[in-house]
Amino acid sequence: CREGTFWLKQIMTRLEHGQGTQDDIDKL
């Protein structure tokens, strides 16, 4: 939970700002 929610937050922030990468969705 501690690490997982941190990384979910990083990826979600990238995606909402249009800065996501090809692997982000599968990584989520």
mmCIF file of all heavy atoms, coordinates in Angstrom:
data_MODEL
# 
_entry.id   MODEL 
# 
loop_
_atom_site.group_PDB 
_atom_site.id 
_atom_site.type_symbol 
_atom_site.label_atom_id 
_atom_site.label_alt_id 
_atom_site.label_comp_id 
_atom_site.label_asym_id 
_atom_site.label_entity_id 
_atom_site.label_seq_id 
_atom_site.pdbx_PDB_ins_code 
_atom_site.Cartn_x 
_atom_site.Cartn_y 
_atom_site.Cartn_z 
_atom_site.occupancy 
_atom_site.B_iso_or_equiv 
_atom_site.pdbx_formal_charge 
_atom_site.auth_seq_id 
_atom_site.auth_comp_id 
_atom_site.auth_asym_id 
_atom_site.auth_atom_id 
_atom_site.pdbx_PDB_model_num 
ATOM 1   N N   . CYS A 1 1  ? 0.828  -1.208 0.000   1.00 0.00 ? 1  CYS A N   1 
ATOM 2   C CA  . CYS A 1 1  ? 0.000  0.000  0.000   1.00 0.00 ? 1  CYS A CA  1 
ATOM 3   C C   . CYS A 1 1  ? 0.864  1.260  0.000   1.00 0.00 ? 1  CYS A C   1 
ATOM 4   O O   . CYS A 1 1  ? 0.619  2.192  -0.765  1.00 0.00 ? 1  CYS A O   1 
ATOM 5   C CB  . CYS A 1 1  ? -0.930 -0.030 1.213   1.00 0.00 ? 1  CYS A CB  1 
ATOM 6   S SG  . CYS A 1 1  ? -1.983 1.414  1.382   1.00 0.00 ? 1  CYS A SG  1 
ATOM 7   N N   . ARG A 1 2  ? 1.877  1.284  0.851   1.00 0.00 ? 2  ARG A N   1 
ATOM 8   C CA  . ARG A 1 2  ? 2.728  2.478  0.958   1.00 0.00 ? 2  ARG A CA  1 
ATOM 9   C C   . ARG A 1 2  ? 3.401  2.795  -0.379  1.00 0.00 ? 2  ARG A C   1 
ATOM 10  O O   . ARG A 1 2  ? 3.360  3.934  -0.856  1.00 0.00 ? 2  ARG A O   1 
ATOM 11  C CB  . ARG A 1 2  ? 3.789  2.251  2.045   1.00 0.00 ? 2  ARG A CB  1 
ATOM 12  C CG  . ARG A 1 2  ? 4.712  3.443  2.283   1.00 0.00 ? 2  ARG A CG  1 
ATOM 13  C CD  . ARG A 1 2  ? 5.819  3.108  3.267   1.00 0.00 ? 2  ARG A CD  1 
ATOM 14  N NE  . ARG A 1 2  ? 6.727  2.086  2.769   1.00 0.00 ? 2  ARG A NE  1 
ATOM 15  C CZ  . ARG A 1 2  ? 6.896  0.887  3.324   1.00 0.00 ? 2  ARG A CZ  1 
ATOM 16  N NH1 . ARG A 1 2  ? 6.204  0.545  4.394   1.00 0.00 ? 2  ARG A NH1 1 
ATOM 17  N NH2 . ARG A 1 2  ? 7.743  0.008  2.802   1.00 0.00 ? 2  ARG A NH2 1 
ATOM 18  N N   . GLU A 1 3  ? 4.048  1.806  -0.979  1.00 0.00 ? 3  GLU A N   1 
ATOM 19  C CA  . GLU A 1 3  ? 4.756  2.029  -2.244  1.00 0.00 ? 3  GLU A CA  1 
ATOM 20  C C   . GLU A 1 3  ? 3.800  2.029  -3.435  1.00 0.00 ? 3  GLU A C   1 
ATOM 21  O O   . GLU A 1 3  ? 3.955  2.811  -4.366  1.00 0.00 ? 3  GLU A O   1 
ATOM 22  C CB  . GLU A 1 3  ? 5.827  0.946  -2.443  1.00 0.00 ? 3  GLU A CB  1 
ATOM 23  C CG  . GLU A 1 3  ? 6.856  0.875  -1.325  1.00 0.00 ? 3  GLU A CG  1 
ATOM 24  C CD  . GLU A 1 3  ? 7.617  2.174  -1.166  1.00 0.00 ? 3  GLU A CD  1 
ATOM 25  O OE1 . GLU A 1 3  ? 7.972  2.786  -2.194  1.00 0.00 ? 3  GLU A OE1 1 
ATOM 26  O OE2 . GLU A 1 3  ? 7.846  2.583  -0.016  1.00 0.00 ? 3  GLU A OE2 1 
ATOM 27  N N   . GLY A 1 4  ? 2.799  1.131  -3.370  1.00 0.00 ? 4  GLY A N   1 
ATOM 28  C CA  . GLY A 1 4  ? 1.888  0.998  -4.508  1.00 0.00 ? 4  GLY A CA  1 
ATOM 29  C C   . GLY A 1 4  ? 1.074  2.255  -4.759  1.00 0.00 ? 4  GLY A C   1 
ATOM 30  O O   . GLY A 1 4  ? 0.958  2.708  -5.906  1.00 0.00 ? 4  GLY A O   1 
ATOM 31  N N   . THR A 1 5  ? 0.506  2.845  -3.697  1.00 0.00 ? 5  THR A N   1 
ATOM 32  C CA  . THR A 1 5  ? -0.289 4.063  -3.900  1.00 0.00 ? 5  THR A CA  1 
ATOM 33  C C   . THR A 1 5  ? 0.595  5.216  -4.364  1.00 0.00 ? 5  THR A C   1 
ATOM 34  O O   . THR A 1 5  ? 0.156  6.068  -5.139  1.00 0.00 ? 5  THR A O   1 
ATOM 35  C CB  . THR A 1 5  ? -1.037 4.455  -2.608  1.00 0.00 ? 5  THR A CB  1 
ATOM 36  O OG1 . THR A 1 5  ? -0.121 4.536  -1.511  1.00 0.00 ? 5  THR A OG1 1 
ATOM 37  C CG2 . THR A 1 5  ? -2.127 3.439  -2.270  1.00 0.00 ? 5  THR A CG2 1 
ATOM 38  N N   . PHE A 1 6  ? 1.843  5.237  -3.913  1.00 0.00 ? 6  PHE A N   1 
ATOM 39  C CA  . PHE A 1 6  ? 2.786  6.279  -4.362  1.00 0.00 ? 6  PHE A CA  1 
ATOM 40  C C   . PHE A 1 6  ? 2.986  6.184  -5.876  1.00 0.00 ? 6  PHE A C   1 
ATOM 41  O O   . PHE A 1 6  ? 2.912  7.191  -6.591  1.00 0.00 ? 6  PHE A O   1 
ATOM 42  C CB  . PHE A 1 6  ? 4.116  6.122  -3.625  1.00 0.00 ? 6  PHE A CB  1 
ATOM 43  C CG  . PHE A 1 6  ? 5.216  7.001  -4.167  1.00 0.00 ? 6  PHE A CG  1 
ATOM 44  C CD1 . PHE A 1 6  ? 5.306  8.331  -3.795  1.00 0.00 ? 6  PHE A CD1 1 
ATOM 45  C CD2 . PHE A 1 6  ? 6.152  6.497  -5.055  1.00 0.00 ? 6  PHE A CD2 1 
ATOM 46  C CE1 . PHE A 1 6  ? 6.313  9.147  -4.298  1.00 0.00 ? 6  PHE A CE1 1 
ATOM 47  C CE2 . PHE A 1 6  ? 7.165  7.308  -5.565  1.00 0.00 ? 6  PHE A CE2 1 
ATOM 48  C CZ  . PHE A 1 6  ? 7.246  8.635  -5.180  1.00 0.00 ? 6  PHE A CZ  1 
ATOM 49  N N   . TRP A 1 7  ? 3.209  4.950  -6.377  1.00 0.00 ? 7  TRP A N   1 
ATOM 50  C CA  . TRP A 1 7  ? 3.452  4.803  -7.815  1.00 0.00 ? 7  TRP A CA  1 
ATOM 51  C C   . TRP A 1 7  ? 2.172  4.988  -8.633  1.00 0.00 ? 7  TRP A C   1 
ATOM 52  O O   . TRP A 1 7  ? 2.218  5.530  -9.749  1.00 0.00 ? 7  TRP A O   1 
ATOM 53  C CB  . TRP A 1 7  ? 4.094  3.442  -8.107  1.00 0.00 ? 7  TRP A CB  1 
ATOM 54  C CG  . TRP A 1 7  ? 5.540  3.446  -7.699  1.00 0.00 ? 7  TRP A CG  1 
ATOM 55  C CD1 . TRP A 1 7  ? 6.100  2.774  -6.649  1.00 0.00 ? 7  TRP A CD1 1 
ATOM 56  C CD2 . TRP A 1 7  ? 6.588  4.214  -8.282  1.00 0.00 ? 7  TRP A CD2 1 
ATOM 57  N NE1 . TRP A 1 7  ? 7.429  3.075  -6.550  1.00 0.00 ? 7  TRP A NE1 1 
ATOM 58  C CE2 . TRP A 1 7  ? 7.774  3.946  -7.538  1.00 0.00 ? 7  TRP A CE2 1 
ATOM 59  C CE3 . TRP A 1 7  ? 6.669  5.102  -9.357  1.00 0.00 ? 7  TRP A CE3 1 
ATOM 60  C CZ2 . TRP A 1 7  ? 8.993  4.535  -7.840  1.00 0.00 ? 7  TRP A CZ2 1 
ATOM 61  C CZ3 . TRP A 1 7  ? 7.885  5.689  -9.656  1.00 0.00 ? 7  TRP A CZ3 1 
ATOM 62  C CH2 . TRP A 1 7  ? 9.033  5.405  -8.896  1.00 0.00 ? 7  TRP A CH2 1 
ATOM 63  N N   . LEU A 1 8  ? 1.048  4.575  -8.082  1.00 0.00 ? 8  LEU A N   1 
ATOM 64  C CA  . LEU A 1 8  ? -0.214 4.844  -8.775  1.00 0.00 ? 8  LEU A CA  1 
ATOM 65  C C   . LEU A 1 8  ? -0.408 6.343  -8.955  1.00 0.00 ? 8  LEU A C   1 
ATOM 66  O O   . LEU A 1 8  ? -0.843 6.814  -10.007 1.00 0.00 ? 8  LEU A O   1 
ATOM 67  C CB  . LEU A 1 8  ? -1.398 4.265  -7.990  1.00 0.00 ? 8  LEU A CB  1 
ATOM 68  C CG  . LEU A 1 8  ? -1.565 2.740  -7.967  1.00 0.00 ? 8  LEU A CG  1 
ATOM 69  C CD1 . LEU A 1 8  ? -2.756 2.355  -7.094  1.00 0.00 ? 8  LEU A CD1 1 
ATOM 70  C CD2 . LEU A 1 8  ? -1.737 2.178  -9.375  1.00 0.00 ? 8  LEU A CD2 1 
ATOM 71  N N   . LYS A 1 9  ? -0.077 7.088  -7.927  1.00 0.00 ? 9  LYS A N   1 
ATOM 72  C CA  . LYS A 1 9  ? -0.225 8.544  -7.988  1.00 0.00 ? 9  LYS A CA  1 
ATOM 73  C C   . LYS A 1 9  ? 0.677  9.142  -9.071  1.00 0.00 ? 9  LYS A C   1 
ATOM 74  O O   . LYS A 1 9  ? 0.241  10.019 -9.829  1.00 0.00 ? 9  LYS A O   1 
ATOM 75  C CB  . LYS A 1 9  ? 0.111  9.158  -6.628  1.00 0.00 ? 9  LYS A CB  1 
ATOM 76  C CG  . LYS A 1 9  ? 0.024  10.678 -6.612  1.00 0.00 ? 9  LYS A CG  1 
ATOM 77  C CD  . LYS A 1 9  ? 0.317  11.244 -5.231  1.00 0.00 ? 9  LYS A CD  1 
ATOM 78  C CE  . LYS A 1 9  ? 0.282  12.767 -5.248  1.00 0.00 ? 9  LYS A CE  1 
ATOM 79  N NZ  . LYS A 1 9  ? 0.533  13.349 -3.915  1.00 0.00 ? 9  LYS A NZ  1 
ATOM 80  N N   . GLN A 1 10 ? 1.919  8.680  -9.161  1.00 0.00 ? 10 GLN A N   1 
ATOM 81  C CA  . GLN A 1 10 ? 2.837  9.218  -10.187 1.00 0.00 ? 10 GLN A CA  1 
ATOM 82  C C   . GLN A 1 10 ? 2.280  8.988  -11.588 1.00 0.00 ? 10 GLN A C   1 
ATOM 83  O O   . GLN A 1 10 ? 2.271  9.882  -12.439 1.00 0.00 ? 10 GLN A O   1 
ATOM 84  C CB  . GLN A 1 10 ? 4.222  8.549  -10.095 1.00 0.00 ? 10 GLN A CB  1 
ATOM 85  C CG  . GLN A 1 10 ? 4.861  8.521  -8.710  1.00 0.00 ? 10 GLN A CG  1 
ATOM 86  C CD  . GLN A 1 10 ? 4.926  9.885  -8.072  1.00 0.00 ? 10 GLN A CD  1 
ATOM 87  O OE1 . GLN A 1 10 ? 5.446  10.824 -8.664  1.00 0.00 ? 10 GLN A OE1 1 
ATOM 88  N NE2 . GLN A 1 10 ? 4.372  10.003 -6.875  1.00 0.00 ? 10 GLN A NE2 1 
ATOM 89  N N   . ILE A 1 11 ? 1.809  7.761  -11.830 1.00 0.00 ? 11 ILE A N   1 
ATOM 90  C CA  . ILE A 1 11 ? 1.338  7.409  -13.171 1.00 0.00 ? 11 ILE A CA  1 
ATOM 91  C C   . ILE A 1 11 ? 0.036  8.135  -13.505 1.00 0.00 ? 11 ILE A C   1 
ATOM 92  O O   . ILE A 1 11 ? -0.138 8.663  -14.610 1.00 0.00 ? 11 ILE A O   1 
ATOM 93  C CB  . ILE A 1 11 ? 1.174  5.880  -13.295 1.00 0.00 ? 11 ILE A CB  1 
ATOM 94  C CG1 . ILE A 1 11 ? 2.538  5.193  -13.121 1.00 0.00 ? 11 ILE A CG1 1 
ATOM 95  C CG2 . ILE A 1 11 ? 0.573  5.515  -14.655 1.00 0.00 ? 11 ILE A CG2 1 
ATOM 96  C CD1 . ILE A 1 11 ? 2.458  3.678  -13.043 1.00 0.00 ? 11 ILE A CD1 1 
ATOM 97  N N   . MET A 1 12 ? -0.886 8.168  -12.547 1.00 0.00 ? 12 MET A N   1 
ATOM 98  C CA  . MET A 1 12 ? -2.160 8.846  -12.789 1.00 0.00 ? 12 MET A CA  1 
ATOM 99  C C   . MET A 1 12 ? -1.943 10.336 -13.074 1.00 0.00 ? 12 MET A C   1 
ATOM 100 O O   . MET A 1 12 ? -2.605 10.918 -13.937 1.00 0.00 ? 12 MET A O   1 
ATOM 101 C CB  . MET A 1 12 ? -3.099 8.676  -11.593 1.00 0.00 ? 12 MET A CB  1 
ATOM 102 C CG  . MET A 1 12 ? -3.686 7.279  -11.418 1.00 0.00 ? 12 MET A CG  1 
ATOM 103 S SD  . MET A 1 12 ? -4.637 6.652  -12.817 1.00 0.00 ? 12 MET A SD  1 
ATOM 104 C CE  . MET A 1 12 ? -5.858 7.942  -13.044 1.00 0.00 ? 12 MET A CE  1 
ATOM 105 N N   . THR A 1 13 ? -1.014 10.956 -12.372 1.00 0.00 ? 13 THR A N   1 
ATOM 106 C CA  . THR A 1 13 ? -0.725 12.379 -12.600 1.00 0.00 ? 13 THR A CA  1 
ATOM 107 C C   . THR A 1 13 ? -0.186 12.593 -14.012 1.00 0.00 ? 13 THR A C   1 
ATOM 108 O O   . THR A 1 13 ? -0.565 13.540 -14.706 1.00 0.00 ? 13 THR A O   1 
ATOM 109 C CB  . THR A 1 13 ? 0.278  12.896 -11.552 1.00 0.00 ? 13 THR A CB  1 
ATOM 110 O OG1 . THR A 1 13 ? -0.282 12.709 -10.248 1.00 0.00 ? 13 THR A OG1 1 
ATOM 111 C CG2 . THR A 1 13 ? 0.576  14.378 -11.757 1.00 0.00 ? 13 THR A CG2 1 
ATOM 112 N N   . ARG A 1 14 ? 0.707  11.678 -14.459 1.00 0.00 ? 14 ARG A N   1 
ATOM 113 C CA  . ARG A 1 14 ? 1.229  11.774 -15.830 1.00 0.00 ? 14 ARG A CA  1 
ATOM 114 C C   . ARG A 1 14 ? 0.103  11.672 -16.852 1.00 0.00 ? 14 ARG A C   1 
ATOM 115 O O   . ARG A 1 14 ? 0.017  12.451 -17.794 1.00 0.00 ? 14 ARG A O   1 
ATOM 116 C CB  . ARG A 1 14 ? 2.241  10.643 -16.095 1.00 0.00 ? 14 ARG A CB  1 
ATOM 117 C CG  . ARG A 1 14 ? 3.611  10.856 -15.498 1.00 0.00 ? 14 ARG A CG  1 
ATOM 118 C CD  . ARG A 1 14 ? 4.678  10.093 -16.282 1.00 0.00 ? 14 ARG A CD  1 
ATOM 119 N NE  . ARG A 1 14 ? 4.484  8.654  -16.293 1.00 0.00 ? 14 ARG A NE  1 
ATOM 120 C CZ  . ARG A 1 14 ? 5.033  7.812  -15.426 1.00 0.00 ? 14 ARG A CZ  1 
ATOM 121 N NH1 . ARG A 1 14 ? 5.771  8.271  -14.431 1.00 0.00 ? 14 ARG A NH1 1 
ATOM 122 N NH2 . ARG A 1 14 ? 4.840  6.511  -15.530 1.00 0.00 ? 14 ARG A NH2 1 
ATOM 123 N N   . LEU A 1 15 ? -0.780 10.700 -16.649 1.00 0.00 ? 15 LEU A N   1 
ATOM 124 C CA  . LEU A 1 15 ? -1.843 10.462 -17.623 1.00 0.00 ? 15 LEU A CA  1 
ATOM 125 C C   . LEU A 1 15 ? -2.831 11.623 -17.678 1.00 0.00 ? 15 LEU A C   1 
ATOM 126 O O   . LEU A 1 15 ? -3.301 11.998 -18.756 1.00 0.00 ? 15 LEU A O   1 
ATOM 127 C CB  . LEU A 1 15 ? -2.582 9.155  -17.286 1.00 0.00 ? 15 LEU A CB  1 
ATOM 128 C CG  . LEU A 1 15 ? -1.807 7.868  -17.558 1.00 0.00 ? 15 LEU A CG  1 
ATOM 129 C CD1 . LEU A 1 15 ? -2.519 6.673  -16.956 1.00 0.00 ? 15 LEU A CD1 1 
ATOM 130 C CD2 . LEU A 1 15 ? -1.618 7.657  -19.067 1.00 0.00 ? 15 LEU A CD2 1 
ATOM 131 N N   . GLU A 1 16 ? -3.156 12.205 -16.533 1.00 0.00 ? 16 GLU A N   1 
ATOM 132 C CA  . GLU A 1 16 ? -4.133 13.295 -16.572 1.00 0.00 ? 16 GLU A CA  1 
ATOM 133 C C   . GLU A 1 16 ? -3.539 14.552 -17.211 1.00 0.00 ? 16 GLU A C   1 
ATOM 134 O O   . GLU A 1 16 ? -4.263 15.400 -17.713 1.00 0.00 ? 16 GLU A O   1 
ATOM 135 C CB  . GLU A 1 16 ? -4.701 13.592 -15.183 1.00 0.00 ? 16 GLU A CB  1 
ATOM 136 C CG  . GLU A 1 16 ? -3.766 14.273 -14.225 1.00 0.00 ? 16 GLU A CG  1 
ATOM 137 C CD  . GLU A 1 16 ? -4.488 14.739 -12.953 1.00 0.00 ? 16 GLU A CD  1 
ATOM 138 O OE1 . GLU A 1 16 ? -5.460 15.508 -13.068 1.00 0.00 ? 16 GLU A OE1 1 
ATOM 139 O OE2 . GLU A 1 16 ? -4.057 14.348 -11.860 1.00 0.00 ? 16 GLU A OE2 1 
ATOM 140 N N   . HIS A 1 17 ? -2.216 14.666 -17.190 1.00 0.00 ? 17 HIS A N   1 
ATOM 141 C CA  . HIS A 1 17 ? -1.577 15.826 -17.809 1.00 0.00 ? 17 HIS A CA  1 
ATOM 142 C C   . HIS A 1 17 ? -1.095 15.554 -19.237 1.00 0.00 ? 17 HIS A C   1 
ATOM 143 O O   . HIS A 1 17 ? -0.339 16.345 -19.810 1.00 0.00 ? 17 HIS A O   1 
ATOM 144 C CB  . HIS A 1 17 ? -0.401 16.303 -16.947 1.00 0.00 ? 17 HIS A CB  1 
ATOM 145 C CG  . HIS A 1 17 ? -0.838 16.996 -15.684 1.00 0.00 ? 17 HIS A CG  1 
ATOM 146 N ND1 . HIS A 1 17 ? -1.143 16.306 -14.532 1.00 0.00 ? 17 HIS A ND1 1 
ATOM 147 C CD2 . HIS A 1 17 ? -1.061 18.303 -15.419 1.00 0.00 ? 17 HIS A CD2 1 
ATOM 148 C CE1 . HIS A 1 17 ? -1.516 17.167 -13.597 1.00 0.00 ? 17 HIS A CE1 1 
ATOM 149 N NE2 . HIS A 1 17 ? -1.479 18.380 -14.113 1.00 0.00 ? 17 HIS A NE2 1 
ATOM 150 N N   . GLY A 1 18 ? -1.513 14.413 -19.801 1.00 0.00 ? 18 GLY A N   1 
ATOM 151 C CA  . GLY A 1 18 ? -1.165 14.109 -21.188 1.00 0.00 ? 18 GLY A CA  1 
ATOM 152 C C   . GLY A 1 18 ? 0.290  13.774 -21.391 1.00 0.00 ? 18 GLY A C   1 
ATOM 153 O O   . GLY A 1 18 ? 0.827  13.936 -22.486 1.00 0.00 ? 18 GLY A O   1 
ATOM 154 N N   . GLN A 1 19 ? 0.949  13.268 -20.329 1.00 0.00 ? 19 GLN A N   1 
ATOM 155 C CA  . GLN A 1 19 ? 2.381  12.966 -20.403 1.00 0.00 ? 19 GLN A CA  1 
ATOM 156 C C   . GLN A 1 19 ? 2.661  11.486 -20.184 1.00 0.00 ? 19 GLN A C   1 
ATOM 157 O O   . GLN A 1 19 ? 3.765  11.099 -19.811 1.00 0.00 ? 19 GLN A O   1 
ATOM 158 C CB  . GLN A 1 19 ? 3.129  13.806 -19.358 1.00 0.00 ? 19 GLN A CB  1 
ATOM 159 C CG  . GLN A 1 19 ? 2.991  15.304 -19.590 1.00 0.00 ? 19 GLN A CG  1 
ATOM 160 C CD  . GLN A 1 19 ? 3.390  16.130 -18.378 1.00 0.00 ? 19 GLN A CD  1 
ATOM 161 O OE1 . GLN A 1 19 ? 3.714  15.590 -17.324 1.00 0.00 ? 19 GLN A OE1 1 
ATOM 162 N NE2 . GLN A 1 19 ? 3.353  17.450 -18.522 1.00 0.00 ? 19 GLN A NE2 1 
ATOM 163 N N   . GLY A 1 20 ? 1.638  10.650 -20.398 1.00 0.00 ? 20 GLY A N   1 
ATOM 164 C CA  . GLY A 1 20 ? 1.806  9.223  -20.164 1.00 0.00 ? 20 GLY A CA  1 
ATOM 165 C C   . GLY A 1 20 ? 2.685  8.560  -21.193 1.00 0.00 ? 20 GLY A C   1 
ATOM 166 O O   . GLY A 1 20 ? 2.957  9.098  -22.260 1.00 0.00 ? 20 GLY A O   1 
ATOM 167 N N   . THR A 1 21 ? 3.146  7.358  -20.850 1.00 0.00 ? 21 THR A N   1 
ATOM 168 C CA  . THR A 1 21 ? 3.969  6.569  -21.772 1.00 0.00 ? 21 THR A CA  1 
ATOM 169 C C   . THR A 1 21 ? 3.170  5.351  -22.232 1.00 0.00 ? 21 THR A C   1 
ATOM 170 O O   . THR A 1 21 ? 2.109  5.032  -21.698 1.00 0.00 ? 21 THR A O   1 
ATOM 171 C CB  . THR A 1 21 ? 5.262  6.097  -21.085 1.00 0.00 ? 21 THR A CB  1 
ATOM 172 O OG1 . THR A 1 21 ? 4.916  5.150  -20.058 1.00 0.00 ? 21 THR A OG1 1 
ATOM 173 C CG2 . THR A 1 21 ? 6.006  7.271  -20.454 1.00 0.00 ? 21 THR A CG2 1 
ATOM 174 N N   . GLN A 1 22 ? 3.720  4.639  -23.209 1.00 0.00 ? 22 GLN A N   1 
ATOM 175 C CA  . GLN A 1 22 ? 3.036  3.496  -23.800 1.00 0.00 ? 22 GLN A CA  1 
ATOM 176 C C   . GLN A 1 22 ? 2.741  2.404  -22.772 1.00 0.00 ? 22 GLN A C   1 
ATOM 177 O O   . GLN A 1 22 ? 1.740  1.692  -22.857 1.00 0.00 ? 22 GLN A O   1 
ATOM 178 C CB  . GLN A 1 22 ? 3.905  2.928  -24.934 1.00 0.00 ? 22 GLN A CB  1 
ATOM 179 C CG  . GLN A 1 22 ? 3.185  1.962  -25.854 1.00 0.00 ? 22 GLN A CG  1 
ATOM 180 C CD  . GLN A 1 22 ? 2.062  2.631  -26.645 1.00 0.00 ? 22 GLN A CD  1 
ATOM 181 O OE1 . GLN A 1 22 ? 2.210  3.745  -27.109 1.00 0.00 ? 22 GLN A OE1 1 
ATOM 182 N NE2 . GLN A 1 22 ? 0.936  1.934  -26.770 1.00 0.00 ? 22 GLN A NE2 1 
ATOM 183 N N   . ASP A 1 23 ? 3.619  2.269  -21.790 1.00 0.00 ? 23 ASP A N   1 
ATOM 184 C CA  . ASP A 1 23 ? 3.485  1.171  -20.829 1.00 0.00 ? 23 ASP A CA  1 
ATOM 185 C C   . ASP A 1 23 ? 2.657  1.527  -19.601 1.00 0.00 ? 23 ASP A C   1 
ATOM 186 O O   . ASP A 1 23 ? 2.426  0.674  -18.741 1.00 0.00 ? 23 ASP A O   1 
ATOM 187 C CB  . ASP A 1 23 ? 4.880  0.724  -20.361 1.00 0.00 ? 23 ASP A CB  1 
ATOM 188 C CG  . ASP A 1 23 ? 5.743  0.221  -21.499 1.00 0.00 ? 23 ASP A CG  1 
ATOM 189 O OD1 . ASP A 1 23 ? 5.170  -0.369 -22.428 1.00 0.00 ? 23 ASP A OD1 1 
ATOM 190 O OD2 . ASP A 1 23 ? 6.973  0.427  -21.450 1.00 0.00 ? 23 ASP A OD2 1 
ATOM 191 N N   . ASP A 1 24 ? 2.216  2.785  -19.489 1.00 0.00 ? 24 ASP A N   1 
ATOM 192 C CA  . ASP A 1 24 ? 1.622  3.244  -18.230 1.00 0.00 ? 24 ASP A CA  1 
ATOM 193 C C   . ASP A 1 24 ? 0.344  2.499  -17.845 1.00 0.00 ? 24 ASP A C   1 
ATOM 194 O O   . ASP A 1 24 ? 0.132  2.189  -16.682 1.00 0.00 ? 24 ASP A O   1 
ATOM 195 C CB  . ASP A 1 24 ? 1.351  4.749  -18.285 1.00 0.00 ? 24 ASP A CB  1 
ATOM 196 C CG  . ASP A 1 24 ? 2.572  5.563  -17.861 1.00 0.00 ? 24 ASP A CG  1 
ATOM 197 O OD1 . ASP A 1 24 ? 3.518  4.953  -17.325 1.00 0.00 ? 24 ASP A OD1 1 
ATOM 198 O OD2 . ASP A 1 24 ? 2.570  6.783  -18.059 1.00 0.00 ? 24 ASP A OD2 1 
ATOM 199 N N   . ILE A 1 25 ? -0.510 2.228  -18.815 1.00 0.00 ? 25 ILE A N   1 
ATOM 200 C CA  . ILE A 1 25 ? -1.796 1.611  -18.474 1.00 0.00 ? 25 ILE A CA  1 
ATOM 201 C C   . ILE A 1 25 ? -1.585 0.192  -17.953 1.00 0.00 ? 25 ILE A C   1 
ATOM 202 O O   . ILE A 1 25 ? -2.140 -0.196 -16.916 1.00 0.00 ? 25 ILE A O   1 
ATOM 203 C CB  . ILE A 1 25 ? -2.749 1.622  -19.674 1.00 0.00 ? 25 ILE A CB  1 
ATOM 204 C CG1 . ILE A 1 25 ? -2.997 3.068  -20.120 1.00 0.00 ? 25 ILE A CG1 1 
ATOM 205 C CG2 . ILE A 1 25 ? -4.071 0.933  -19.328 1.00 0.00 ? 25 ILE A CG2 1 
ATOM 206 C CD1 . ILE A 1 25 ? -3.766 3.203  -21.403 1.00 0.00 ? 25 ILE A CD1 1 
ATOM 207 N N   . ASP A 1 26 ? -0.755 -0.572 -18.660 1.00 0.00 ? 26 ASP A N   1 
ATOM 208 C CA  . ASP A 1 26 ? -0.466 -1.935 -18.193 1.00 0.00 ? 26 ASP A CA  1 
ATOM 209 C C   . ASP A 1 26 ? 0.247  -1.906 -16.840 1.00 0.00 ? 26 ASP A C   1 
ATOM 210 O O   . ASP A 1 26 ? 0.024  -2.772 -15.993 1.00 0.00 ? 26 ASP A O   1 
ATOM 211 C CB  . ASP A 1 26 ? 0.392  -2.680 -19.220 1.00 0.00 ? 26 ASP A CB  1 
ATOM 212 C CG  . ASP A 1 26 ? -0.387 -2.999 -20.491 1.00 0.00 ? 26 ASP A CG  1 
ATOM 213 O OD1 . ASP A 1 26 ? -1.635 -3.057 -20.411 1.00 0.00 ? 26 ASP A OD1 1 
ATOM 214 O OD2 . ASP A 1 26 ? 0.239  -3.187 -21.543 1.00 0.00 ? 26 ASP A OD2 1 
ATOM 215 N N   . LYS A 1 27 ? 1.073  -0.883 -16.650 1.00 0.00 ? 27 LYS A N   1 
ATOM 216 C CA  . LYS A 1 27 ? 1.788  -0.763 -15.374 1.00 0.00 ? 27 LYS A CA  1 
ATOM 217 C C   . LYS A 1 27 ? 0.813  -0.459 -14.238 1.00 0.00 ? 27 LYS A C   1 
ATOM 218 O O   . LYS A 1 27 ? 0.956  -0.973 -13.127 1.00 0.00 ? 27 LYS A O   1 
ATOM 219 C CB  . LYS A 1 27 ? 2.855  0.334  -15.482 1.00 0.00 ? 27 LYS A CB  1 
ATOM 220 C CG  . LYS A 1 27 ? 3.921  0.283  -14.388 1.00 0.00 ? 27 LYS A CG  1 
ATOM 221 C CD  . LYS A 1 27 ? 4.992  1.342  -14.616 1.00 0.00 ? 27 LYS A CD  1 
ATOM 222 C CE  . LYS A 1 27 ? 5.791  1.074  -15.868 1.00 0.00 ? 27 LYS A CE  1 
ATOM 223 N NZ  . LYS A 1 27 ? 6.814  2.131  -16.101 1.00 0.00 ? 27 LYS A NZ  1 
ATOM 224 N N   . LEU A 1 28 ? -0.185 0.396  -14.519 1.00 0.00 ? 28 LEU A N   1 
ATOM 225 C CA  . LEU A 1 28 ? -1.217 0.690  -13.521 1.00 0.00 ? 28 LEU A CA  1 
ATOM 226 C C   . LEU A 1 28 ? -1.902 -0.592 -13.055 1.00 0.00 ? 28 LEU A C   1 
ATOM 227 O O   . LEU A 1 28 ? -2.037 -0.846 -11.851 1.00 0.00 ? 28 LEU A O   1 
ATOM 228 C CB  . LEU A 1 28 ? -2.293 1.609  -14.118 1.00 0.00 ? 28 LEU A CB  1 
ATOM 229 C CG  . LEU A 1 28 ? -2.104 3.122  -14.060 1.00 0.00 ? 28 LEU A CG  1 
ATOM 230 C CD1 . LEU A 1 28 ? -3.291 3.791  -14.753 1.00 0.00 ? 28 LEU A CD1 1 
ATOM 231 C CD2 . LEU A 1 28 ? -1.995 3.629  -12.633 1.00 0.00 ? 28 LEU A CD2 1 
# 
